[in-house]
N, C-alpha and C. Protein backbone atom coordinates (compact mmCIF):
# COMPACT_ATOMS: atom_id res chain seq x y z
N MET A 1 -20.58 -40.38 -15.26
CA MET A 1 -18.90 -40.41 -14.58
C MET A 1 -17.98 -40.07 -15.39
N SER A 2 -17.42 -39.43 -14.32
CA SER A 2 -16.08 -38.29 -14.94
C SER A 2 -15.04 -39.27 -15.04
N ASP A 3 -14.29 -39.46 -15.82
CA ASP A 3 -12.51 -40.26 -15.93
C ASP A 3 -11.60 -38.86 -15.89
N ILE A 4 -11.47 -37.76 -14.88
CA ILE A 4 -10.77 -36.96 -14.65
C ILE A 4 -10.44 -37.55 -13.17
N THR A 5 -9.15 -37.79 -13.05
CA THR A 5 -8.37 -37.87 -12.27
C THR A 5 -8.07 -36.83 -11.09
N PRO A 6 -8.28 -36.83 -9.91
CA PRO A 6 -8.42 -36.09 -8.92
C PRO A 6 -6.57 -35.45 -8.54
N LEU A 7 -6.48 -34.31 -9.03
CA LEU A 7 -5.27 -33.60 -8.55
C LEU A 7 -5.15 -33.78 -6.99
N TYR A 8 -3.81 -33.67 -6.54
CA TYR A 8 -3.71 -33.27 -4.90
C TYR A 8 -2.29 -33.07 -5.02
N CYS A 9 -2.13 -31.82 -4.21
CA CYS A 9 -1.33 -30.76 -3.93
C CYS A 9 0.59 -31.27 -3.74
N ALA A 10 1.31 -30.67 -3.98
CA ALA A 10 2.61 -31.99 -4.31
C ALA A 10 3.07 -31.22 -3.06
N ASN A 11 2.43 -30.75 -2.28
CA ASN A 11 3.25 -29.99 -0.85
C ASN A 11 2.25 -30.16 0.29
N HIS A 12 0.96 -30.90 0.21
CA HIS A 12 -0.09 -31.06 0.85
C HIS A 12 -0.92 -32.61 0.30
N PRO A 13 -0.48 -33.60 -0.06
CA PRO A 13 -0.70 -34.63 -0.02
C PRO A 13 -2.12 -35.21 -0.46
N GLN A 14 -2.61 -34.54 0.70
CA GLN A 14 -3.84 -34.40 1.31
C GLN A 14 -5.19 -34.13 0.88
N ILE A 15 -4.70 -32.87 0.09
CA ILE A 15 -5.69 -31.90 -0.01
C ILE A 15 -5.52 -31.66 -1.87
N GLU A 16 -7.17 -31.91 -2.16
CA GLU A 16 -7.31 -32.11 -3.32
C GLU A 16 -7.70 -30.54 -4.21
N THR A 17 -6.80 -30.62 -5.30
CA THR A 17 -7.24 -29.07 -5.64
C THR A 17 -7.21 -29.31 -7.08
N SER A 18 -7.38 -28.02 -7.57
CA SER A 18 -7.37 -27.84 -9.35
C SER A 18 -6.78 -27.13 -9.68
N LEU A 19 -6.01 -26.43 -8.89
CA LEU A 19 -4.74 -25.25 -9.00
C LEU A 19 -3.51 -25.62 -9.40
N ARG A 20 -2.87 -25.02 -10.33
CA ARG A 20 -1.66 -25.28 -10.88
C ARG A 20 -0.71 -24.19 -11.13
N CYS A 21 0.60 -24.47 -10.86
CA CYS A 21 1.43 -23.20 -10.92
C CYS A 21 2.01 -22.61 -12.45
N ASN A 22 1.86 -21.75 -12.53
CA ASN A 22 1.49 -21.33 -13.86
C ASN A 22 2.83 -21.28 -14.60
N GLN A 23 3.82 -21.65 -13.74
CA GLN A 23 5.34 -21.95 -14.34
C GLN A 23 5.85 -23.23 -14.42
N CYS A 24 5.82 -23.95 -13.14
CA CYS A 24 5.84 -25.57 -13.63
C CYS A 24 4.66 -26.42 -13.51
N GLU A 25 3.75 -26.06 -13.57
CA GLU A 25 2.23 -26.72 -13.92
C GLU A 25 2.30 -27.75 -12.69
N LYS A 26 2.85 -27.54 -11.63
CA LYS A 26 2.50 -28.51 -10.07
C LYS A 26 1.59 -27.93 -9.70
N PRO A 27 0.60 -28.92 -8.98
CA PRO A 27 -0.72 -28.52 -8.56
C PRO A 27 -0.37 -28.47 -6.97
N ILE A 28 -0.93 -27.23 -6.86
CA ILE A 28 -0.88 -26.61 -5.81
C ILE A 28 -2.35 -26.26 -4.99
N CYS A 29 -2.02 -26.16 -3.54
CA CYS A 29 -3.67 -26.29 -2.94
C CYS A 29 -3.72 -24.53 -2.61
N SER A 30 -4.30 -23.79 -2.56
CA SER A 30 -4.78 -22.36 -1.85
C SER A 30 -3.57 -22.05 -0.92
N LYS A 31 -3.27 -22.98 0.44
CA LYS A 31 -1.91 -22.80 0.65
C LYS A 31 -1.04 -22.19 0.32
N CYS A 32 -0.65 -23.14 -0.78
CA CYS A 32 0.57 -23.20 -1.55
C CYS A 32 0.92 -22.20 -2.27
N ALA A 33 -0.20 -21.30 -2.80
CA ALA A 33 -0.44 -20.95 -4.15
C ALA A 33 0.24 -19.03 -3.49
N VAL A 34 0.77 -18.79 -4.43
CA VAL A 34 1.53 -17.01 -4.61
C VAL A 34 0.67 -16.43 -5.61
N LEU A 35 -0.08 -15.46 -5.28
CA LEU A 35 -0.99 -14.76 -6.32
C LEU A 35 0.09 -13.59 -6.73
N THR A 36 0.92 -13.94 -8.24
CA THR A 36 1.77 -12.60 -8.92
C THR A 36 0.87 -12.38 -10.32
N PRO A 37 1.33 -11.41 -10.36
CA PRO A 37 0.75 -10.22 -11.70
C PRO A 37 0.49 -11.60 -12.79
N THR A 38 1.04 -12.25 -12.50
CA THR A 38 1.13 -12.84 -14.14
C THR A 38 -0.10 -14.17 -13.37
N GLY A 39 -0.13 -14.38 -12.26
CA GLY A 39 -1.31 -15.80 -12.18
C GLY A 39 -0.98 -16.52 -10.65
N TYR A 40 -1.01 -17.22 -10.29
CA TYR A 40 -0.38 -18.07 -9.16
C TYR A 40 0.85 -19.19 -9.40
N ARG A 41 1.45 -19.11 -8.84
CA ARG A 41 2.78 -19.85 -8.52
C ARG A 41 3.06 -20.25 -7.50
N CYS A 42 3.86 -21.55 -7.60
CA CYS A 42 4.24 -22.02 -6.47
C CYS A 42 5.32 -21.39 -5.41
N ARG A 43 5.49 -21.71 -4.44
CA ARG A 43 6.37 -20.58 -3.72
C ARG A 43 8.26 -21.17 -4.31
N GLU A 44 8.40 -22.68 -4.88
CA GLU A 44 9.13 -22.53 -5.07
C GLU A 44 10.08 -21.59 -6.08
N CYS A 45 8.74 -21.45 -7.27
CA CYS A 45 8.84 -20.49 -8.33
C CYS A 45 9.38 -18.96 -8.24
N VAL A 46 8.74 -18.90 -7.10
CA VAL A 46 8.70 -17.38 -6.56
C VAL A 46 9.91 -17.38 -5.90
N ASN A 47 10.19 -17.86 -5.31
CA ASN A 47 11.81 -17.75 -4.67
C ASN A 47 12.35 -18.04 -5.62
N ASN A 48 13.07 -18.77 -6.74
CA ASN A 48 13.42 -19.02 -7.72
C ASN A 48 13.85 -17.41 -8.37
N ARG A 49 12.56 -16.76 -8.75
CA ARG A 49 12.24 -15.52 -9.17
C ARG A 49 13.22 -14.60 -8.88
N GLN A 50 12.66 -14.28 -7.24
CA GLN A 50 13.83 -13.54 -6.59
C GLN A 50 14.66 -13.60 -6.32
N LYS A 51 15.59 -14.77 -6.07
CA LYS A 51 16.70 -14.78 -6.40
C LYS A 51 17.45 -13.94 -7.55
N VAL A 52 16.90 -13.83 -8.91
CA VAL A 52 17.25 -12.89 -10.10
C VAL A 52 17.77 -11.88 -9.10
N PHE A 53 16.89 -11.58 -8.64
CA PHE A 53 16.80 -9.49 -7.93
C PHE A 53 17.73 -9.25 -7.43
N GLU A 54 18.32 -10.25 -6.43
CA GLU A 54 19.82 -10.18 -5.77
C GLU A 54 21.02 -9.69 -5.77
N THR A 55 21.43 -8.88 -5.84
CA THR A 55 22.25 -8.50 -6.63
C THR A 55 23.67 -8.09 -5.89
N ALA A 56 23.12 -8.23 -4.30
CA ALA A 56 24.51 -7.69 -3.57
C ALA A 56 25.53 -8.78 -3.41
N GLN A 57 26.97 -8.22 -2.97
CA GLN A 57 27.83 -8.87 -2.71
C GLN A 57 28.42 -8.56 -1.40
N ALA A 58 29.51 -9.57 -1.13
CA ALA A 58 29.68 -9.45 0.73
C ALA A 58 29.98 -8.35 1.13
N ILE A 59 30.67 -7.35 -0.11
CA ILE A 59 31.45 -6.04 0.21
C ILE A 59 30.31 -4.89 0.45
N ASP A 60 29.12 -5.11 0.08
CA ASP A 60 28.21 -4.57 0.00
C ASP A 60 27.64 -4.00 1.82
N TYR A 61 27.45 -5.12 2.55
CA TYR A 61 26.72 -5.20 3.98
C TYR A 61 28.26 -4.34 4.79
N TRP A 62 29.38 -4.72 4.18
CA TRP A 62 30.53 -3.85 4.94
C TRP A 62 30.43 -2.78 4.96
N LEU A 63 29.79 -1.85 3.70
CA LEU A 63 29.75 -0.51 3.41
C LEU A 63 28.78 0.25 4.04
N ALA A 64 27.47 -0.49 3.65
CA ALA A 64 26.26 -0.18 3.83
C ALA A 64 26.06 0.17 5.29
N PHE A 65 26.57 -0.54 6.35
CA PHE A 65 25.84 -0.55 7.57
C PHE A 65 26.55 0.40 8.34
N PRO A 66 28.18 0.42 8.22
CA PRO A 66 28.89 1.78 8.72
C PRO A 66 28.67 2.94 8.15
N THR A 67 28.38 3.18 6.84
CA THR A 67 27.73 4.27 6.26
C THR A 67 26.81 4.98 6.36
N ALA A 68 25.99 3.62 7.11
CA ALA A 68 24.23 3.92 7.44
C ALA A 68 24.52 4.74 8.97
N ALA A 69 25.43 4.27 9.22
CA ALA A 69 25.43 4.14 11.33
C ALA A 69 26.10 5.39 11.61
N ILE A 70 27.08 6.06 10.53
CA ILE A 70 27.65 7.31 10.58
C ILE A 70 27.12 7.82 10.04
N LEU A 71 26.42 8.15 8.89
CA LEU A 71 25.52 9.13 8.66
C LEU A 71 24.27 9.78 9.94
N SER A 72 23.34 8.58 10.31
CA SER A 72 22.62 8.68 11.35
C SER A 72 23.16 8.73 12.53
N LEU A 73 24.05 9.02 12.88
CA LEU A 73 25.03 9.11 13.97
C LEU A 73 25.42 10.99 14.15
N ILE A 74 25.42 11.38 12.96
CA ILE A 74 25.21 13.26 12.77
C ILE A 74 24.26 13.50 12.15
N GLY A 75 23.27 13.07 11.87
CA GLY A 75 21.86 13.78 11.97
C GLY A 75 21.22 13.50 13.29
N SER A 76 21.49 12.31 14.62
CA SER A 76 20.94 12.59 15.62
C SER A 76 21.38 13.19 16.57
N LEU A 77 22.33 13.93 16.37
CA LEU A 77 23.33 15.00 17.22
C LEU A 77 22.35 16.15 17.05
N PHE A 78 21.64 16.51 15.91
CA PHE A 78 20.77 17.64 16.28
C PHE A 78 19.57 17.40 16.23
N VAL A 79 18.72 16.14 16.57
CA VAL A 79 17.70 16.06 16.89
C VAL A 79 16.92 16.70 18.01
N ALA A 80 17.83 16.35 19.08
CA ALA A 80 17.87 16.99 20.63
C ALA A 80 17.16 18.62 20.10
N ARG A 81 18.04 19.42 19.34
CA ARG A 81 17.84 20.70 19.12
C ARG A 81 16.71 21.19 18.65
N ILE A 82 16.27 20.25 17.73
CA ILE A 82 15.29 20.60 16.83
C ILE A 82 13.67 19.92 17.30
N GLY A 83 14.06 19.10 18.38
CA GLY A 83 12.87 18.86 19.06
C GLY A 83 12.15 18.00 18.25
N LEU A 84 10.97 18.05 18.29
CA LEU A 84 9.60 18.03 17.60
C LEU A 84 9.73 17.93 16.07
N TYR A 85 10.30 18.96 15.20
CA TYR A 85 10.46 18.38 14.32
C TYR A 85 11.69 17.38 13.64
N ALA A 86 12.11 16.65 14.67
CA ALA A 86 12.47 15.24 14.00
C ALA A 86 11.12 14.11 13.37
N ILE A 87 10.50 14.65 13.35
CA ILE A 87 8.78 14.24 12.49
C ILE A 87 9.59 14.85 11.14
N LEU A 88 9.54 15.86 10.45
CA LEU A 88 10.83 16.70 9.24
C LEU A 88 11.70 15.41 8.77
N VAL A 89 12.48 15.69 9.97
CA VAL A 89 13.82 15.57 9.46
C VAL A 89 14.19 14.41 9.21
N GLY A 90 13.53 13.41 10.19
CA GLY A 90 13.66 11.42 9.82
C GLY A 90 13.37 11.14 8.44
N PRO A 91 12.52 11.68 7.96
CA PRO A 91 11.87 11.04 6.50
C PRO A 91 13.13 11.90 5.59
N ILE A 92 13.27 13.01 5.71
CA ILE A 92 14.82 13.83 5.24
C ILE A 92 16.12 13.04 5.50
N ALA A 93 16.46 12.85 6.19
CA ALA A 93 17.79 11.76 6.65
C ALA A 93 17.85 10.47 6.15
N GLY A 94 16.19 9.50 6.00
CA GLY A 94 16.21 8.49 5.67
C GLY A 94 16.69 8.40 4.10
N THR A 95 16.12 9.13 3.38
CA THR A 95 15.77 9.14 1.60
C THR A 95 17.66 9.55 1.92
N LEU A 96 18.34 10.64 2.22
CA LEU A 96 20.05 11.43 1.94
C LEU A 96 20.52 10.14 2.43
N ILE A 97 20.13 9.38 3.78
CA ILE A 97 21.10 8.01 3.92
C ILE A 97 21.13 6.90 2.56
N ALA A 98 19.93 6.43 2.50
CA ALA A 98 19.72 5.70 1.49
C ALA A 98 20.51 5.97 0.29
N GLU A 99 20.44 7.36 -0.63
CA GLU A 99 20.75 7.32 -2.12
C GLU A 99 22.42 7.46 -1.84
N VAL A 100 22.85 7.66 -0.22
CA VAL A 100 24.52 7.30 -0.08
C VAL A 100 24.58 6.03 -0.65
N VAL A 101 23.84 5.23 0.89
CA VAL A 101 24.20 3.91 0.66
C VAL A 101 23.93 2.77 -1.04
N ARG A 102 23.27 3.65 -1.72
CA ARG A 102 22.79 2.81 -3.27
C ARG A 102 24.34 3.57 -3.88
N PHE A 103 24.66 4.40 -3.78
CA PHE A 103 25.62 5.23 -4.50
C PHE A 103 26.60 4.18 -4.11
N ILE A 104 27.10 3.73 -2.74
CA ILE A 104 28.23 3.35 -2.60
C ILE A 104 28.20 1.83 -2.78
N THR A 105 27.03 1.47 -2.85
CA THR A 105 27.04 -0.16 -2.67
C THR A 105 26.71 -0.43 -4.97
N ARG A 106 26.50 0.47 -5.01
CA ARG A 106 26.36 0.48 -6.72
C ARG A 106 25.32 0.05 -7.69
N LYS A 107 24.18 0.76 -6.21
CA LYS A 107 22.52 -0.37 -6.77
C LYS A 107 22.49 -1.48 -6.69
N ARG A 108 23.41 -2.27 -6.19
CA ARG A 108 22.97 -3.45 -5.88
C ARG A 108 21.63 -3.58 -4.79
N ARG A 109 21.56 -4.58 -4.97
CA ARG A 109 20.21 -4.85 -4.51
C ARG A 109 20.33 -6.45 -3.66
N SER A 110 19.36 -6.60 -2.40
CA SER A 110 19.02 -7.82 -1.19
C SER A 110 18.40 -7.09 -0.47
N LYS A 111 17.20 -7.96 0.02
CA LYS A 111 15.97 -7.69 0.89
C LYS A 111 17.63 -7.15 2.41
N LYS A 112 18.18 -8.22 2.57
CA LYS A 112 18.96 -8.79 3.64
C LYS A 112 19.99 -7.16 3.74
N LEU A 113 20.65 -6.56 2.32
CA LEU A 113 21.40 -5.33 2.25
C LEU A 113 20.50 -4.14 2.72
N PHE A 114 19.13 -3.55 2.81
CA PHE A 114 18.52 -3.39 3.05
C PHE A 114 17.75 -3.02 4.44
N LEU A 115 18.03 -4.55 5.15
CA LEU A 115 17.97 -4.43 6.15
C LEU A 115 19.36 -4.36 7.34
N THR A 116 20.45 -4.40 6.73
CA THR A 116 21.22 -3.96 7.15
C THR A 116 21.65 -2.26 7.36
N ALA A 117 21.38 -2.20 6.25
CA ALA A 117 21.59 -0.63 6.57
C ALA A 117 20.59 -0.07 7.36
N ALA A 118 19.06 -0.34 7.48
CA ALA A 118 18.20 0.16 8.55
C ALA A 118 18.69 -0.18 9.91
N ALA A 119 20.06 -1.10 9.94
CA ALA A 119 19.56 -1.76 11.36
C ALA A 119 20.86 -0.36 11.23
N GLY A 120 21.75 -0.07 10.54
CA GLY A 120 22.89 1.03 10.61
C GLY A 120 22.37 2.12 11.31
N VAL A 121 21.34 2.75 10.34
CA VAL A 121 20.26 3.65 10.94
C VAL A 121 20.37 3.93 12.90
N ILE A 122 19.23 2.72 13.06
CA ILE A 122 19.43 2.65 14.12
C ILE A 122 20.51 2.76 15.05
N VAL A 123 21.58 1.63 15.17
CA VAL A 123 22.62 2.03 15.37
C VAL A 123 23.43 2.82 15.98
N GLY A 124 23.57 4.04 14.68
CA GLY A 124 23.91 4.90 14.57
C GLY A 124 23.00 5.85 15.66
N CYS A 125 22.16 5.43 15.85
CA CYS A 125 21.35 6.46 16.92
C CYS A 125 21.60 6.20 19.03
N ALA A 126 22.14 5.38 18.57
CA ALA A 126 22.44 4.60 19.92
C ALA A 126 23.26 5.12 20.93
N PRO A 127 24.73 5.99 20.27
CA PRO A 127 25.39 6.90 21.10
C PRO A 127 24.26 7.77 21.75
N ALA A 128 23.99 8.23 20.80
CA ALA A 128 22.98 9.85 20.96
C ALA A 128 22.24 9.49 22.19
N ALA A 129 21.46 8.22 22.10
CA ALA A 129 20.77 7.98 23.15
C ALA A 129 21.07 7.34 24.67
N LEU A 130 22.15 7.03 24.56
CA LEU A 130 22.80 6.46 25.36
C LEU A 130 24.08 7.91 26.03
N PHE A 131 24.12 8.50 25.61
CA PHE A 131 24.75 10.40 25.55
C PHE A 131 23.56 10.80 26.91
N ARG A 132 21.94 10.73 25.89
CA ARG A 132 21.22 11.09 26.82
C ARG A 132 20.57 10.48 28.16
N LEU A 133 20.84 9.24 28.22
CA LEU A 133 20.86 8.37 29.45
C LEU A 133 21.42 8.51 30.62
N PHE A 134 22.60 9.23 30.06
CA PHE A 134 23.81 9.59 31.07
C PHE A 134 23.35 10.74 31.75
N VAL A 135 23.21 11.15 30.55
CA VAL A 135 22.93 13.17 31.34
C VAL A 135 21.47 13.24 31.93
N MET A 136 20.32 12.14 31.36
CA MET A 136 19.69 12.04 32.76
C MET A 136 19.97 11.79 33.87
N GLY A 137 20.36 10.89 34.09
CA GLY A 137 21.64 9.93 34.90
C GLY A 137 21.89 10.64 36.17
N ALA A 138 22.66 11.40 35.37
CA ALA A 138 23.97 12.34 35.88
C ALA A 138 23.12 14.06 36.56
N GLY A 139 21.74 13.91 35.56
CA GLY A 139 21.46 14.94 36.44
C GLY A 139 20.35 15.06 37.62
N ALA A 140 19.68 13.49 37.68
CA ALA A 140 18.56 12.99 38.91
C ALA A 140 19.74 12.50 39.82
N LEU A 141 21.18 12.22 40.00
CA LEU A 141 22.14 12.47 40.82
C LEU A 141 22.63 13.91 41.69
N TYR A 142 22.74 14.61 40.48
CA TYR A 142 22.76 16.15 40.63
C TYR A 142 21.85 16.91 41.58
N ALA A 143 20.67 16.50 41.19
CA ALA A 143 19.38 17.59 41.58
C ALA A 143 18.69 16.59 42.89
N GLY A 144 19.25 15.47 43.36
CA GLY A 144 18.73 14.79 44.13
C GLY A 144 17.77 13.54 44.00
N GLY A 145 17.75 13.16 42.99
CA GLY A 145 17.18 11.74 42.59
C GLY A 145 15.61 12.15 41.78
N GLU A 146 16.01 13.05 41.07
CA GLU A 146 14.48 13.47 39.71
C GLU A 146 15.67 14.00 38.98
N ALA A 147 15.46 13.23 37.68
CA ALA A 147 15.77 13.61 36.34
C ALA A 147 15.36 14.47 35.82
N PRO A 148 16.22 15.83 35.11
CA PRO A 148 15.78 16.76 34.36
C PRO A 148 14.79 15.83 33.51
N ILE A 149 13.59 17.12 33.82
CA ILE A 149 12.68 16.91 32.81
C ILE A 149 12.76 17.38 31.28
N TYR A 150 13.60 18.12 30.50
CA TYR A 150 14.03 18.09 29.39
C TYR A 150 14.82 17.55 28.79
N SER A 151 15.32 16.17 29.70
CA SER A 151 16.31 15.17 28.64
C SER A 151 14.85 14.09 28.26
N ALA A 152 13.89 13.87 28.57
CA ALA A 152 12.98 12.36 28.50
C ALA A 152 12.72 13.06 26.96
N PRO A 153 12.06 14.08 26.61
CA PRO A 153 11.50 14.54 25.31
C PRO A 153 12.39 14.07 24.46
N SER A 154 13.92 14.65 24.64
CA SER A 154 14.80 14.50 23.30
C SER A 154 15.08 12.99 23.48
N LEU A 155 14.66 12.05 24.32
CA LEU A 155 14.65 10.52 23.51
C LEU A 155 13.64 10.11 22.82
N VAL A 156 12.49 10.77 23.48
CA VAL A 156 11.22 10.56 22.60
C VAL A 156 11.56 10.48 20.96
N TYR A 157 12.77 12.07 20.46
CA TYR A 157 12.56 12.82 19.34
C TYR A 157 13.38 11.96 18.50
N LEU A 158 14.58 11.28 19.72
CA LEU A 158 15.58 10.47 18.85
C LEU A 158 14.96 9.54 18.51
N ALA A 159 13.78 8.68 18.82
CA ALA A 159 13.16 7.22 18.61
C ALA A 159 12.51 7.58 17.85
N ILE A 160 11.58 9.01 17.47
CA ILE A 160 10.98 9.39 16.53
C ILE A 160 11.86 9.17 14.88
N TYR A 161 13.21 9.84 15.03
CA TYR A 161 14.34 10.60 14.01
C TYR A 161 15.24 8.69 13.74
N ALA A 162 15.07 8.12 14.38
CA ALA A 162 15.75 6.57 14.27
C ALA A 162 14.49 5.75 13.17
N GLY A 163 12.86 6.15 14.15
CA GLY A 163 12.19 5.45 13.47
C GLY A 163 11.99 5.51 12.26
N LEU A 164 11.75 6.51 12.19
CA LEU A 164 11.49 7.25 10.83
C LEU A 164 12.81 7.44 9.53
N ALA A 165 13.76 7.84 9.88
CA ALA A 165 14.87 7.47 9.02
C ALA A 165 15.03 6.04 9.09
N ALA A 166 15.07 5.11 9.61
CA ALA A 166 15.29 3.76 9.34
C ALA A 166 13.92 3.46 8.33
N SER A 167 12.99 3.56 8.53
CA SER A 167 11.91 3.04 7.94
C SER A 167 11.88 3.56 6.30
N THR A 168 12.17 5.15 6.52
CA THR A 168 12.16 5.70 4.76
C THR A 168 13.42 5.11 4.05
N LEU A 169 14.97 5.18 5.08
CA LEU A 169 15.56 4.47 3.99
C LEU A 169 15.17 3.13 3.89
N TYR A 170 14.52 1.92 4.28
CA TYR A 170 14.71 0.77 4.03
C TYR A 170 13.08 0.95 2.80
N TYR A 171 12.56 1.65 3.04
CA TYR A 171 11.32 1.45 1.62
C TYR A 171 11.94 1.99 0.27
N ARG A 172 12.76 3.41 0.70
CA ARG A 172 13.64 3.81 -0.47
C ARG A 172 14.48 3.00 -1.38
N LEU A 173 15.37 1.86 -0.56
CA LEU A 173 16.19 1.24 -0.91
C LEU A 173 15.55 0.35 -1.41
N ALA A 174 14.58 -0.27 -1.19
CA ALA A 174 13.51 -1.31 -1.76
C ALA A 174 13.05 -0.80 -2.66
N GLY A 175 12.65 0.15 -3.21
CA GLY A 175 12.01 0.55 -4.51
C GLY A 175 10.81 0.72 -4.10
N ILE A 176 10.19 0.66 -3.14
CA ILE A 176 8.72 0.51 -2.87
C ILE A 176 8.22 2.31 -3.23
N SER A 177 7.03 2.72 -4.14
CA SER A 177 6.77 3.71 -3.68
C SER A 177 5.07 3.65 -3.41
N ILE A 178 5.40 4.84 -2.69
CA ILE A 178 3.56 4.89 -2.10
C ILE A 178 2.51 5.99 -3.39
C-alpha cells in the first residue's frame, strides 16, 4: 500500500499529475506545463517572468509606428523600379527601419511594440499600392478595359517588399537570431 496522496492539476482538478511548477511548486498537468530552459513552469509564472522584459512606454508606440511607416513608404517608392530585387531590398530595409525604431525607442522592448512597428511597415506600403492600383485602373480605362500588364508585377514586388521588410523588422527587434 502506498500512502502517497495523489496530486491534481491546479487548473484541471480532474487530471491527476505528478508534475509541479519548478518555481511556485503548484501541481500542473501536461496541458498547463510550459517547458523553459530551467524546467517546467506554470503559465502564471511564465507570464509574470515575461512582464519583467517588457519595458516599452506609451510614447514608444506613438514614435515607432509613424517612423516605420514613413521609412517603409520611402523604401516602397523604389520597389517598382527595382522589380524582383525587392527580395534583396526588403530584408535590408527591414533591418535599417528596425535599427532606427530601436534608436528612437531607446531600446525599450515589448511584443506589442514590435508588432506596432511591423504594422507601420505594412501601412507605409499602402500609399504606393493604392497608387499602383489607381494606375492599373486608369490604364484599363484608357486602354479600353484592359489593365496594363506592367503594373501587376509591381504590386507583387511591393507585397514581397512589405512582407520581407515587416518580418525582418519584427525578428530584428524581438532579438530572435537564426
